[in-house]
C-alpha atoms as a PDB file:
ATOM      1  CA  UNK A   1    -186.848  51.260 -75.869  1.00  0.00           C
ATOM      2  CA  UNK A   2    -186.463  54.484 -77.561  1.00  0.00           C
ATOM      3  CA  UNK A   3    -186.701  55.105 -81.204  1.00  0.00           C
ATOM      4  CA  UNK A   4    -183.572  56.330 -82.842  1.00  0.00           C
ATOM      5  CA  UNK A   5    -184.849  59.984 -83.081  1.00  0.00           C
ATOM      6  CA  UNK A   6    -185.712  59.876 -79.272  1.00  0.00           C
ATOM      7  CA  UNK A   7    -182.160  58.240 -78.654  1.00  0.00           C
ATOM      8  CA  UNK A   8    -180.245  61.132 -80.611  1.00  0.00           C
ATOM      9  CA  UNK A   9    -182.446  64.058 -79.022  1.00  0.00           C
ATOM     10  CA  UNK A  10    -181.917  62.705 -75.541  1.00  0.00           C
ATOM     11  CA  UNK A  11    -178.282  62.573 -76.207  1.00  0.00           C
ATOM     12  CA  UNK A  12    -178.054  66.194 -77.608  1.00  0.00           C
ATOM     13  CA  UNK A  13    -179.891  67.087 -74.402  1.00  0.00           C
ATOM     14  CA  UNK A  14    -176.895  65.611 -72.324  1.00  0.00           C
ATOM     15  CA  UNK A  15    -179.012  63.052 -70.757  1.00  0.00           C
ATOM     16  CA  UNK A  16    -178.238  59.145 -70.796  1.00  0.00           C
ATOM     17  CA  UNK A  17    -180.807  57.308 -73.260  1.00  0.00           C
ATOM     18  CA  UNK A  18    -181.007  53.733 -73.441  1.00  0.00           C
ATOM     19  CA  UNK A  19    -177.879  53.170 -75.339  1.00  0.00           C
ATOM     20  CA  UNK A  20    -175.322  55.309 -77.131  1.00  0.00           C
ATOM     21  CA  UNK A  21    -176.592  56.312 -80.488  1.00  0.00           C
ATOM     22  CA  UNK A  22    -174.736  55.247 -83.746  1.00  0.00           C
ATOM     23  CA  UNK A  23    -173.634  56.970 -86.556  1.00  0.00           C
ATOM     24  CA  UNK A  24    -172.201  55.689 -89.925  1.00  0.00           C
ATOM     25  CA  UNK A  25    -170.817  58.023 -92.546  1.00  0.00           C
ATOM     26  CA  UNK A  26    -169.398  55.940 -95.440  1.00  0.00           C
ATOM     27  CA  UNK A  27    -167.634  56.428 -99.008  1.00  0.00           C
ATOM     28  CA  UNK A  28    -169.198  55.407-101.908  1.00  0.00           C
ATOM     29  CA  UNK A  29    -166.430  53.053-102.470  1.00  0.00           C
ATOM     30  CA  UNK A  30    -166.658  51.432 -98.799  1.00  0.00           C
ATOM     31  CA  UNK A  31    -170.683  51.081 -99.565  1.00  0.00           C
ATOM     32  CA  UNK A  32    -169.720  49.150-102.875  1.00  0.00           C
ATOM     33  CA  UNK A  33    -167.337  46.834-100.721  1.00  0.00           C
ATOM     34  CA  UNK A  34    -170.518  46.355 -98.262  1.00  0.00           C
ATOM     35  CA  UNK A  35    -172.660  45.453-101.261  1.00  0.00           C
ATOM     36  CA  UNK A  36    -169.915  42.875-102.619  1.00  0.00           C
ATOM     37  CA  UNK A  37    -168.963  41.460 -99.345  1.00  0.00           C
ATOM     38  CA  UNK A  38    -172.245  41.319 -97.414  1.00  0.00           C
ATOM     39  CA  UNK A  39    -175.033  41.774-100.009  1.00  0.00           C
ATOM     40  CA  UNK A  40    -176.514  45.033 -98.612  1.00  0.00           C
ATOM     41  CA  UNK A  41    -177.643  48.122-100.204  1.00  0.00           C
ATOM     42  CA  UNK A  42    -177.130  51.456 -98.336  1.00  0.00           C
ATOM     43  CA  UNK A  43    -180.454  51.229 -96.461  1.00  0.00           C
ATOM     44  CA  UNK A  44    -179.716  47.301 -95.418  1.00  0.00           C
ATOM     45  CA  UNK A  45    -176.619  48.200 -94.379  1.00  0.00           C
ATOM     46  CA  UNK A  46    -177.874  50.947 -92.130  1.00  0.00           C
ATOM     47  CA  UNK A  47    -180.294  48.582 -90.403  1.00  0.00           C
ATOM     48  CA  UNK A  48    -177.832  45.781 -90.105  1.00  0.00           C
ATOM     49  CA  UNK A  49    -175.563  48.195 -87.652  1.00  0.00           C
ATOM     50  CA  UNK A  50    -178.850  49.998 -86.055  1.00  0.00           C
ATOM     51  CA  UNK A  51    -177.696  53.400 -87.374  1.00  0.00           C
ATOM     52  CA  UNK A  52    -179.891  55.893 -85.573  1.00  0.00           C
ATOM     53  CA  UNK A  53    -179.831  58.921 -88.480  1.00  0.00           C
ATOM     54  CA  UNK A  54    -180.902  59.549 -91.743  1.00  0.00           C
ATOM     55  CA  UNK A  55    -179.586  62.434 -94.104  1.00  0.00           C
ATOM     56  CA  UNK A  56    -181.558  64.190 -96.772  1.00  0.00           C
ATOM     57  CA  UNK A  57    -179.994  66.466 -99.458  1.00  0.00           C
ATOM     58  CA  UNK A  58    -181.481  68.862-101.979  1.00  0.00           C
ATOM     59  CA  UNK A  59    -181.301  68.704-105.512  1.00  0.00           C
ATOM     60  CA  UNK A  60    -179.412  70.933-108.265  1.00  0.00           C
ATOM     61  CA  UNK A  61    -181.221  72.660-110.674  1.00  0.00           C
ATOM     62  CA  UNK A  62    -178.340  75.286-111.715  1.00  0.00           C
ATOM     63  CA  UNK A  63    -176.967  75.669-115.028  1.00  0.00           C
ATOM     64  CA  UNK A  64    -174.754  73.041-116.501  1.00  0.00           C
ATOM     65  CA  UNK A  65    -170.982  73.908-116.957  1.00  0.00           C
ATOM     66  CA  UNK A  66    -168.552  72.445-119.276  1.00  0.00           C
ATOM     67  CA  UNK A  67    -165.362  71.065-117.530  1.00  0.00           C
ATOM     68  CA  UNK A  68    -162.195  72.181-118.582  1.00  0.00           C
ATOM     69  CA  UNK A  69    -159.539  69.289-119.848  1.00  0.00           C
ATOM     70  CA  UNK A  70    -158.353  67.333-116.807  1.00  0.00           C
ATOM     71  CA  UNK A  71    -161.018  68.665-114.595  1.00  0.00           C
ATOM     72  CA  UNK A  72    -163.232  65.882-112.826  1.00  0.00           C
ATOM     73  CA  UNK A  73    -165.678  68.275-111.028  1.00  0.00           C
ATOM     74  CA  UNK A  74    -166.545  71.885-110.348  1.00  0.00           C
ATOM     75  CA  UNK A  75    -167.750  73.274-107.169  1.00  0.00           C
ATOM     76  CA  UNK A  76    -170.540  75.687-106.633  1.00  0.00           C
ATOM     77  CA  UNK A  77    -167.880  78.807-106.737  1.00  0.00           C
ATOM     78  CA  UNK A  78    -166.492  77.720-110.005  1.00  0.00           C
ATOM     79  CA  UNK A  79    -163.307  76.050-109.060  1.00  0.00           C
ATOM     80  CA  UNK A  80    -162.350  72.953-111.154  1.00  0.00           C
ATOM     81  CA  UNK A  81    -161.075  69.740-109.380  1.00  0.00           C
ATOM     82  CA  UNK A  82    -159.220  66.951-110.387  1.00  0.00           C
ATOM     83  CA  UNK A  83    -158.050  63.637-108.423  1.00  0.00           C
ATOM     84  CA  UNK A  84    -159.136  60.855-106.287  1.00  0.00           C
ATOM     85  CA  UNK A  85    -162.657  61.961-104.524  1.00  0.00           C
ATOM     86  CA  UNK A  86    -163.167  65.436-104.491  1.00  0.00           C
ATOM     87  CA  UNK A  87    -159.523  65.965-105.930  1.00  0.00           C
ATOM     88  CA  UNK A  88    -157.330  69.141-105.881  1.00  0.00           C
ATOM     89  CA  UNK A  89    -158.198  72.441-107.336  1.00  0.00           C
ATOM     90  CA  UNK A  90    -156.625  73.038-110.971  1.00  0.00           C
ATOM     91  CA  UNK A  91    -156.372  76.708-110.365  1.00  0.00           C
ATOM     92  CA  UNK A  92    -157.474  79.365-107.696  1.00  0.00           C
ATOM     93  CA  UNK A  93    -159.730  81.968-109.679  1.00  0.00           C
ATOM     94  CA  UNK A  94    -159.075  84.553-107.090  1.00  0.00           C
ATOM     95  CA  UNK A  95    -155.541  84.163-106.424  1.00  0.00           C
ATOM     96  CA  UNK A  96    -154.515  87.615-107.893  1.00  0.00           C
ATOM     97  CA  UNK A  97    -157.961  89.485-106.772  1.00  0.00           C
ATOM     98  CA  UNK A  98    -158.421  92.544-105.028  1.00  0.00           C
ATOM     99  CA  UNK A  99    -161.395  93.573-103.045  1.00  0.00           C
ATOM    100  CA  UNK A 100    -163.175  94.922-106.115  1.00  0.00           C
ATOM    101  CA  UNK A 101    -162.518  91.705-108.014  1.00  0.00           C
ATOM    102  CA  UNK A 102    -164.014  89.542-105.120  1.00  0.00           C
ATOM    103  CA  UNK A 103    -167.036  91.574-104.800  1.00  0.00           C
ATOM    104  CA  UNK A 104    -167.651  91.326-108.691  1.00  0.00           C
ATOM    105  CA  UNK A 105    -167.070  87.819-108.909  1.00  0.00           C
ATOM    106  CA  UNK A 106    -169.758  85.594-110.433  1.00  0.00           C
ATOM    107  CA  UNK A 107    -171.209  84.241-107.086  1.00  0.00           C
ATOM    108  CA  UNK A 108    -173.794  81.516-107.378  1.00  0.00           C
ATOM    109  CA  UNK A 109    -177.704  81.798-107.071  1.00  0.00           C
ATOM    110  CA  UNK A 110    -178.982  79.997-104.010  1.00  0.00           C
ATOM    111  CA  UNK A 111    -181.829  79.326-106.425  1.00  0.00           C
ATOM    112  CA  UNK A 112    -179.976  76.835-108.149  1.00  0.00           C
ATOM    113  CA  UNK A 113    -180.736  74.613-105.051  1.00  0.00           C
ATOM    114  CA  UNK A 114    -183.672  72.408-105.892  1.00  0.00           C
ATOM    115  CA  UNK A 115    -185.802  72.047-102.763  1.00  0.00           C
ATOM    116  CA  UNK A 116    -188.751  70.575-104.415  1.00  0.00           C
ATOM    117  CA  UNK A 117    -188.462  67.027-102.999  1.00  0.00           C
ATOM    118  CA  UNK A 118    -186.829  67.738 -99.772  1.00  0.00           C
ATOM    119  CA  UNK A 119    -189.503  67.372 -97.458  1.00  0.00           C
ATOM    120  CA  UNK A 120    -190.786  64.460 -99.096  1.00  0.00           C
ATOM    121  CA  UNK A 121    -187.426  62.848 -98.344  1.00  0.00           C
ATOM    122  CA  UNK A 122    -187.544  63.840 -94.975  1.00  0.00           C
ATOM    123  CA  UNK A 123    -190.896  62.682 -94.155  1.00  0.00           C
ATOM    124  CA  UNK A 124    -190.479  59.212 -95.574  1.00  0.00           C
ATOM    125  CA  UNK A 125    -188.935  58.212 -92.342  1.00  0.00           C
ATOM    126  CA  UNK A 126    -192.031  58.920 -90.472  1.00  0.00           C
ATOM    127  CA  UNK A 127    -190.205  60.542 -87.565  1.00  0.00           C
ATOM    128  CA  UNK A 128    -188.393  57.266 -86.522  1.00  0.00           C
ATOM    129  CA  UNK A 129    -184.808  58.746 -87.023  1.00  0.00           C
ATOM    130  CA  UNK A 130    -183.102  61.829 -86.345  1.00  0.00           C
ATOM    131  CA  UNK A 131    -182.785  63.499 -89.905  1.00  0.00           C
ATOM    132  CA  UNK A 132    -179.853  65.495 -90.893  1.00  0.00           C
ATOM    133  CA  UNK A 133    -180.332  68.055 -93.472  1.00  0.00           C
ATOM    134  CA  UNK A 134    -178.788  71.551 -94.689  1.00  0.00           C
ATOM    135  CA  UNK A 135    -176.092  72.769 -96.988  1.00  0.00           C
ATOM    136  CA  UNK A 136    -172.631  71.305 -96.055  1.00  0.00           C
ATOM    137  CA  UNK A 137    -171.289  74.955 -96.401  1.00  0.00           C
ATOM    138  CA  UNK A 138    -167.333  74.041 -96.317  1.00  0.00           C
ATOM    139  CA  UNK A 139    -166.666  77.861 -96.437  1.00  0.00           C
ATOM    140  CA  UNK A 140    -163.060  77.783 -95.179  1.00  0.00           C
ATOM    141  CA  UNK A 141    -162.116  74.928 -97.863  1.00  0.00           C
ATOM    142  CA  UNK A 142    -163.697  77.188-100.500  1.00  0.00           C
ATOM    143  CA  UNK A 143    -161.684  80.405 -99.447  1.00  0.00           C
ATOM    144  CA  UNK A 144    -158.652  78.054 -99.836  1.00  0.00           C
ATOM    145  CA  UNK A 145    -159.644  77.003-103.230  1.00  0.00           C
ATOM    146  CA  UNK A 146    -160.510  80.380-104.422  1.00  0.00           C
ATOM    147  CA  UNK A 147    -157.377  82.257-103.080  1.00  0.00           C
ATOM    148  CA  UNK A 148    -154.974  79.299-102.651  1.00  0.00           C
ATOM    149  CA  UNK A 149    -153.989  78.609 -99.049  1.00  0.00           C
ATOM    150  CA  UNK A 150    -150.610  80.887 -98.986  1.00  0.00           C
ATOM    151  CA  UNK A 151    -152.727  84.015-100.356  1.00  0.00           C
ATOM    152  CA  UNK A 152    -155.331  83.350 -97.935  1.00  0.00           C
ATOM    153  CA  UNK A 153    -153.125  83.595 -94.772  1.00  0.00           C
ATOM    154  CA  UNK A 154    -151.198  86.481 -96.062  1.00  0.00           C
ATOM    155  CA  UNK A 155    -154.451  88.189 -96.522  1.00  0.00           C
ATOM    156  CA  UNK A 156    -155.727  87.580 -93.106  1.00  0.00           C
ATOM    157  CA  UNK A 157    -152.583  89.992 -91.928  1.00  0.00           C
ATOM    158  CA  UNK A 158    -152.260  92.243 -95.077  1.00  0.00           C
ATOM    159  CA  UNK A 159    -155.869  92.524 -96.536  1.00  0.00           C
ATOM    160  CA  UNK A 160    -158.460  91.467 -93.900  1.00  0.00           C
ATOM    161  CA  UNK A 161    -161.212  93.232 -95.623  1.00  0.00           C
ATOM    162  CA  UNK A 162    -160.679  91.061 -98.713  1.00  0.00           C
ATOM    163  CA  UNK A 163    -160.929  88.042 -96.335  1.00  0.00           C
ATOM    164  CA  UNK A 164    -164.166  89.230 -94.969  1.00  0.00           C
ATOM    165  CA  UNK A 165    -165.670  89.976 -97.835  1.00  0.00           C
ATOM    166  CA  UNK A 166    -164.573  86.501 -99.601  1.00  0.00           C
ATOM    167  CA  UNK A 167    -166.109  84.964 -96.428  1.00  0.00           C
ATOM    168  CA  UNK A 168    -169.395  86.957 -96.412  1.00  0.00           C
ATOM    169  CA  UNK A 169    -170.284  86.249-100.098  1.00  0.00           C
ATOM    170  CA  UNK A 170    -169.631  82.485 -99.662  1.00  0.00           C
ATOM    171  CA  UNK A 171    -171.699  82.336 -96.356  1.00  0.00           C
ATOM    172  CA  UNK A 172    -174.403  84.462 -97.936  1.00  0.00           C
ATOM    173  CA  UNK A 173    -174.762  81.505-100.391  1.00  0.00           C
ATOM    174  CA  UNK A 174    -174.718  78.769 -98.048  1.00  0.00           C
ATOM    175  CA  UNK A 175    -177.069  80.650 -95.430  1.00  0.00           C
ATOM    176  CA  UNK A 176    -179.720  81.275 -98.151  1.00  0.00           C
ATOM    177  CA  UNK A 177    -179.298  77.783 -99.752  1.00  0.00           C
ATOM    178  CA  UNK A 178    -179.913  76.170 -96.218  1.00  0.00           C
ATOM    179  CA  UNK A 179    -182.601  78.460 -95.481  1.00  0.00           C
ATOM    180  CA  UNK A 180    -184.474  77.079 -98.516  1.00  0.00           C
ATOM    181  CA  UNK A 181    -184.201  73.940 -97.455  1.00  0.00           C
ATOM    182  CA  UNK A 182    -185.449  74.692 -93.703  1.00  0.00           C
ATOM    183  CA  UNK A 183    -188.332  76.552 -95.243  1.00  0.00           C
ATOM    184  CA  UNK A 184    -189.305  73.586 -97.593  1.00  0.00           C
ATOM    185  CA  UNK A 185    -189.104  71.015 -94.849  1.00  0.00           C
ATOM    186  CA  UNK A 186    -189.857  72.660 -91.863  1.00  0.00           C
ATOM    187  CA  UNK A 187    -190.396  70.410 -88.959  1.00  0.00           C
ATOM    188  CA  UNK A 188    -189.207  67.191 -90.722  1.00  0.00           C
ATOM    189  CA  UNK A 189    -185.493  67.984 -90.275  1.00  0.00           C
ATOM    190  CA  UNK A 190    -183.669  67.582 -86.655  1.00  0.00           C
ATOM    191  CA  UNK A 191    -180.184  68.561 -87.188  1.00  0.00           C
ATOM    192  CA  UNK A 192    -178.174  71.008 -89.488  1.00  0.00           C
ATOM    193  CA  UNK A 193    -175.143  68.990 -90.535  1.00  0.00           C
ATOM    194  CA  UNK A 194    -172.131  71.381 -91.725  1.00  0.00           C
ATOM    195  CA  UNK A 195    -168.426  70.706 -92.591  1.00  0.00           C
ATOM    196  CA  UNK A 196    -165.090  72.465 -92.300  1.00  0.00           C
ATOM    197  CA  UNK A 197    -161.856  71.340 -91.298  1.00  0.00           C
ATOM    198  CA  UNK A 198    -160.042  73.535 -89.207  1.00  0.00           C
ATOM    199  CA  UNK A 199    -157.312  71.187 -87.850  1.00  0.00           C
ATOM    200  CA  UNK A 200    -154.234  69.161 -88.929  1.00  0.00           C
ATOM    201  CA  UNK A 201    -152.596  66.280 -87.068  1.00  0.00           C
ATOM    202  CA  UNK A 202    -150.544  68.715 -84.886  1.00  0.00           C
ATOM    203  CA  UNK A 203    -153.082  71.237 -84.121  1.00  0.00           C
ATOM    204  CA  UNK A 204    -155.462  74.098 -85.741  1.00  0.00           C
ATOM    205  CA  UNK A 205    -154.716  75.390 -89.400  1.00  0.00           C
ATOM    206  CA  UNK A 206    -155.050  78.724 -88.207  1.00  0.00           C
ATOM    207  CA  UNK A 207    -154.537  80.515 -84.654  1.00  0.00           C
ATOM    208  CA  UNK A 208    -157.333  81.103 -82.361  1.00  0.00           C
ATOM    209  CA  UNK A 209    -157.202  84.818 -83.003  1.00  0.00           C
ATOM    210  CA  UNK A 210    -157.357  84.498 -86.767  1.00  0.00           C
ATOM    211  CA  UNK A 211    -160.405  81.850 -86.276  1.00  0.00           C
ATOM    212  CA  UNK A 212    -162.203  84.360 -84.264  1.00  0.00           C
ATOM    213  CA  UNK A 213    -161.755  87.208 -86.734  1.00  0.00           C
ATOM    214  CA  UNK A 214    -162.387  85.442 -89.890  1.00  0.00           C
ATOM    215  CA  UNK A 215    -164.361  82.187 -89.385  1.00  0.00           C
ATOM    216  CA  UNK A 216    -166.118  82.372 -86.208  1.00  0.00           C
ATOM    217  CA  UNK A 217    -168.705  84.745 -87.247  1.00  0.00           C
ATOM    218  CA  UNK A 218    -169.546  83.202 -90.207  1.00  0.00           C
ATOM    219  CA  UNK A 219    -169.907  79.934 -88.665  1.00  0.00           C
ATOM    220  CA  UNK A 220    -172.181  81.665 -85.780  1.00  0.00           C
ATOM    221  CA  UNK A 221    -174.364  82.856 -88.357  1.00  0.00           C
ATOM    222  CA  UNK A 222    -175.148  79.633 -89.816  1.00  0.00           C
ATOM    223  CA  UNK A 223    -175.408  78.231 -86.236  1.00  0.00           C
ATOM    224  CA  UNK A 224    -178.048  80.918 -85.580  1.00  0.00           C
ATOM    225  CA  UNK A 225    -179.912  79.863 -88.742  1.00  0.00           C
ATOM    226  CA  UNK A 226    -180.295  76.375 -87.792  1.00  0.00           C
ATOM    227  CA  UNK A 227    -181.444  77.503 -84.333  1.00  0.00           C
ATOM    228  CA  UNK A 228    -183.859  79.669 -85.611  1.00  0.00           C
ATOM    229  CA  UNK A 229    -185.489  76.668 -87.327  1.00  0.00           C
ATOM    230  CA  UNK A 230    -185.463  74.770 -83.926  1.00  0.00           C
ATOM    231  CA  UNK A 231    -182.585  72.475 -85.382  1.00  0.00           C
ATOM    232  CA  UNK A 232    -179.652  71.165 -83.311  1.00  0.00           C
ATOM    233  CA  UNK A 233    -176.340  72.184 -85.362  1.00  0.00           C
ATOM    234  CA  UNK A 234    -173.413  69.691 -85.652  1.00  0.00           C
ATOM    235  CA  UNK A 235    -169.877  70.563 -87.379  1.00  0.00           C
ATOM    236  CA  UNK A 236    -167.672  68.064 -88.960  1.00  0.00           C
ATOM    237  CA  UNK A 237    -164.072  69.252 -88.327  1.00  0.00           C
ATOM    238  CA  UNK A 238    -161.187  67.243 -88.511  1.00  0.00           C
ATOM    239  CA  UNK A 239    -157.864  67.410 -86.920  1.00  0.00           C
ATOM    240  CA  UNK A 240    -156.484  68.731 -83.587  1.00  0.00           C
ATOM    241  CA  UNK A 241    -158.885  71.738 -82.879  1.00  0.00           C
ATOM    242  CA  UNK A 242    -158.899  71.573 -79.007  1.00  0.00           C
ATOM    243  CA  UNK A 243    -157.848  75.262 -78.832  1.00  0.00           C
ATOM    244  CA  UNK A 244    -160.831  76.277 -80.983  1.00  0.00           C
ATOM    245  CA  UNK A 245    -163.558  74.185 -79.345  1.00  0.00           C
ATOM    246  CA  UNK A 246    -164.254  76.744 -76.537  1.00  0.00           C
ATOM    247  CA  UNK A 247    -165.063  79.410 -79.204  1.00  0.00           C
ATOM    248  CA  UNK A 248    -167.289  76.960 -80.979  1.00  0.00           C
ATOM    249  CA  UNK A 249    -169.320  76.358 -77.843  1.00  0.00           C
ATOM    250  CA  UNK A 250    -169.481  79.935 -77.276  1.00  0.00           C
ATOM    251  CA  UNK A 251    -170.802  80.399 -80.691  1.00  0.00           C
ATOM    252  CA  UNK A 252    -173.901  77.908 -79.751  1.00  0.00           C
ATOM    253  CA  UNK A 253    -172.557  74.757 -81.492  1.00  0.00           C
ATOM    254  CA  UNK A 254    -174.395  71.833 -80.473  1.00  0.00           C
ATOM    255  CA  UNK A 255    -172.263  69.026 -81.445  1.00  0.00           C
ATOM    256  CA  UNK A 256    -168.631  68.106 -82.941  1.00  0.00           C
ATOM    257  CA  UNK A 257    -167.831  65.471 -85.395  1.00  0.00           C
ATOM    258  CA  UNK A 258    -165.812  63.222 -85.987  1.00  0.00           C
ATOM    259  CA  UNK A 259    -163.086  63.761 -82.963  1.00  0.00           C
ATOM    260  CA  UNK A 260    -159.838  62.312 -84.161  1.00  0.00           C
ATOM    261  CA  UNK A 261    -158.158  60.824 -80.997  1.00  0.00           C
ATOM    262  CA  UNK A 262    -154.815  60.540 -82.827  1.00  0.00           C
ATOM    263  CA  UNK A 263    -154.290  64.348 -83.394  1.00  0.00           C
ATOM    264  CA  UNK A 264    -152.621  66.587 -80.880  1.00  0.00           C
ATOM    265  CA  UNK A 265    -154.884  67.656 -77.993  1.00  0.00           C
ATOM    266  CA  UNK A 266    -157.721  65.053 -78.754  1.00  0.00           C
ATOM    267  CA  UNK A 267    -157.251  62.545 -76.073  1.00  0.00           C
ATOM    268  CA  UNK A 268    -160.899  61.452 -75.458  1.00  0.00           C
ATOM    269  CA  UNK A 269    -160.876  61.475 -71.718  1.00  0.00           C
ATOM    270  CA  UNK A 270    -159.368  64.933 -71.723  1.00  0.00           C
ATOM    271  CA  UNK A 271    -162.057  66.230 -73.992  1.00  0.00           C
ATOM    272  CA  UNK A 272    -164.859  64.753 -72.395  1.00  0.00           C
ATOM    273  CA  UNK A 273    -163.852  66.246 -68.930  1.00  0.00           C
ATOM    274  CA  UNK A 274    -163.338  69.495 -70.195  1.00  0.00           C
ATOM    275  CA  UNK A 275    -166.091  69.946 -72.650  1.00  0.00           C
ATOM    276  CA  UNK A 276    -168.512  66.987 -72.410  1.00  0.00           C
ATOM    277  CA  UNK A 277    -171.140  68.631 -70.594  1.00  0.00           C
ATOM    278  CA  UNK A 278    -171.639  71.438 -73.023  1.00  0.00           C
ATOM    279  CA  UNK A 279    -170.966  69.932 -76.550  1.00  0.00           C
ATOM    280  CA  UNK A 280    -172.006  66.444 -77.982  1.00  0.00           C
ATOM    281  CA  UNK A 281    -169.088  64.460 -79.343  1.00  0.00           C
ATOM    282  CA  UNK A 282    -169.643  62.276 -82.520  1.00  0.00           C
ATOM    283  CA  UNK A 283    -167.213  59.597 -83.296  1.00  0.00           C
ATOM    284  CA  UNK A 284    -163.969  59.242 -81.802  1.00  0.00           C
ATOM    285  CA  UNK A 285    -163.195  55.726 -82.571  1.00  0.00           C
ATOM    286  CA  UNK A 286    -159.879  55.946 -84.414  1.00  0.00           C
ATOM    287  CA  UNK A 287    -160.109  55.401 -88.116  1.00  0.00           C
ATOM    288  CA  UNK A 288    -156.624  55.369 -89.040  1.00  0.00           C
ATOM    289  CA  UNK A 289    -155.144  52.988 -86.245  1.00  0.00           C
ATOM    290  CA  UNK A 290    -157.835  50.952 -85.280  1.00  0.00           C
ATOM    291  CA  UNK A 291    -160.224  50.476 -87.861  1.00  0.00           C
ATOM    292  CA  UNK A 292    -157.949  50.365 -90.981  1.00  0.00           C
ATOM    293  CA  UNK A 293    -154.924  48.577 -89.434  1.00  0.00           C
ATOM    294  CA  UNK A 294    -156.746  46.550 -86.915  1.00  0.00           C
ATOM    295  CA  UNK A 295    -158.244  43.211 -86.241  1.00  0.00           C
ATOM    296  CA  UNK A 296    -162.027  42.740 -85.256  1.00  0.00           C
ATOM    297  CA  UNK A 297    -160.519  41.854 -81.878  1.00  0.00           C
ATOM    298  CA  UNK A 298    -158.567  44.949 -81.590  1.00  0.00           C
ATOM    299  CA  UNK A 299    -161.245  47.015 -82.915  1.00  0.00           C
ATOM    300  CA  UNK A 300    -163.893  45.448 -80.628  1.00  0.00           C
ATOM    301  CA  UNK A 301    -161.351  46.595 -77.445  1.00  0.00           C
ATOM    302  CA  UNK A 302    -160.613  49.738 -79.026  1.00  0.00           C
ATOM    303  CA  UNK A 303    -164.527  50.441 -79.400  1.00  0.00           C
ATOM    304  CA  UNK A 304    -164.903  49.518 -75.664  1.00  0.00           C
ATOM    305  CA  UNK A 305    -162.113  51.985 -74.570  1.00  0.00           C
ATOM    306  CA  UNK A 306    -163.833  54.930 -76.393  1.00  0.00           C
ATOM    307  CA  UNK A 307    -167.136  54.139 -74.934  1.00  0.00           C
ATOM    308  CA  UNK A 308    -165.527  54.012 -71.312  1.00  0.00           C
ATOM    309  CA  UNK A 309    -164.084  57.528 -71.937  1.00  0.00           C
ATOM    310  CA  UNK A 310    -167.015  58.977 -73.930  1.00  0.00           C
ATOM    311  CA  UNK A 311    -170.423  57.707 -72.878  1.00  0.00           C
ATOM    312  CA  UNK A 312    -170.927  58.551 -69.211  1.00  0.00           C
ATOM    313  CA  UNK A 313    -173.447  61.234 -68.721  1.00  0.00           C
ATOM    314  CA  UNK A 314    -174.870  61.228 -72.328  1.00  0.00           C
ATOM    315  CA  UNK A 315    -173.580  63.450 -74.875  1.00  0.00           C
ATOM    316  CA  UNK A 316    -171.891  60.978 -77.017  1.00  0.00           C
ATOM    317  CA  UNK A 317    -172.840  59.469 -80.592  1.00  0.00           C
ATOM    318  CA  UNK A 318    -170.608  56.523 -81.392  1.00  0.00           C
ATOM    319  CA  UNK A 319    -168.767  56.189 -84.837  1.00  0.00           C
ATOM    320  CA  UNK A 320    -165.464  56.515 -86.923  1.00  0.00           C
ATOM    321  CA  UNK A 321    -163.086  59.413 -86.173  1.00  0.00           C
ATOM    322  CA  UNK A 322    -163.662  60.436 -89.979  1.00  0.00           C
ATOM    323  CA  UNK A 323    -166.445  61.864 -91.870  1.00  0.00           C
ATOM    324  CA  UNK A 324    -166.587  58.935 -94.318  1.00  0.00           C
ATOM    325  CA  UNK A 325    -165.205  55.109 -93.999  1.00  0.00           C
ATOM    326  CA  UNK A 326    -162.650  54.980 -96.535  1.00  0.00           C
ATOM    327  CA  UNK A 327    -162.433  52.206 -99.081  1.00  0.00           C
ATOM    328  CA  UNK A 328    -159.555  50.579 -97.597  1.00  0.00           C
ATOM    329  CA  UNK A 329    -160.932  50.007 -94.322  1.00  0.00           C
ATOM    330  CA  UNK A 330    -162.026  46.077 -93.872  1.00  0.00           C
ATOM    331  CA  UNK A 331    -165.679  45.617 -93.599  1.00  0.00           C
ATOM    332  CA  UNK A 332    -165.375  43.173 -90.996  1.00  0.00           C
ATOM    333  CA  UNK A 333    -163.741  46.018 -88.864  1.00  0.00           C
ATOM    334  CA  UNK A 334    -166.351  48.227 -89.101  1.00  0.00           C
ATOM    335  CA  UNK A 335    -168.968  45.281 -88.500  1.00  0.00           C
ATOM    336  CA  UNK A 336    -167.031  44.790 -85.323  1.00  0.00           C
ATOM    337  CA  UNK A 337    -167.096  48.356 -84.393  1.00  0.00           C
ATOM    338  CA  UNK A 338    -170.886  48.590 -84.478  1.00  0.00           C
ATOM    339  CA  UNK A 339    -171.434  45.276 -82.785  1.00  0.00           C
ATOM    340  CA  UNK A 340    -169.068  46.114 -80.019  1.00  0.00           C
ATOM    341  CA  UNK A 341    -171.043  49.528 -79.273  1.00  0.00           C
ATOM    342  CA  UNK A 342    -174.461  47.451 -79.096  1.00  0.00           C
ATOM    343  CA  UNK A 343    -172.585  45.160 -76.938  1.00  0.00           C
ATOM    344  CA  UNK A 344    -170.958  47.948 -74.491  1.00  0.00           C
ATOM    345  CA  UNK A 345    -173.010  50.941 -75.174  1.00  0.00           C
ATOM    346  CA  UNK A 346    -176.170  50.357 -73.198  1.00  0.00           C
ATOM    347  CA  UNK A 347    -176.752  52.439 -70.320  1.00  0.00           C
ATOM    348  CA  UNK A 348    -177.716  50.821 -66.880  1.00  0.00           C
END
């Protein structure tokens, strides 16, 4: 039997391991449900479902900023937010900015990222699990926060230099923050895990042309950083992003998470046939219609169907089609999903 790390790395090589690897990302609210209903803390839960991954995060040693009334959090780029989860921005600090103001903005210092314990955290797993690390780097979301979505889209047409400068400043920060993590934990991390949502239920949020012009060069820069440290690079990206996948592959992306089959163009058999030999798919078990609305019996069958489509030949990691299982998801359904993966996900 393979170790979890061996299983994951074999999958990233597009070979069949002993069984399909398991991934579980869960919200804090769902983890609390697991504690309440099953009496399991986070690590005990991961052991129960036989998750093959562990994740390490750097700390924060930057200055403290007082929040404005009504704000519940503040991003590293100074955007205050309010609402459920990460909430929504209360304002867009660069909504009226020109190029000079973008360049002069108070961009954060990567030295605010505390990497003093990251190696120790990664080594605690003693090489047994595939370890994820690096800065989440949601620069497309940050651009929307800073400019506002409408201004961002208009600026792509009318002020391309401003958008390029904005993206460069943000990715300068994320590139250096992750580089610091990788320098501190060299050899103890396996996968650089980043996240940006480029898709909606009905397709990409921007055209392939604009994606290539304004997003892909900066995404490629982060991918190159991870590869430079011998890491696989996995991108979380929601929505119907099928038209963008070829460019992601050409940029060197190793894996795509979380694969939402309910979105336009994201049928699993088609994705596997077209791209399955060139990129690892992680997720694909429908969170919305199967996990949240189903029963353990329908979840078991939905999981089996996803495995039939995605597991042949390797290159597939089983999990929910959302980066974080939400609180409204029944715990019994998530248990049924992972039990079904272990029942039906073995390779001959």
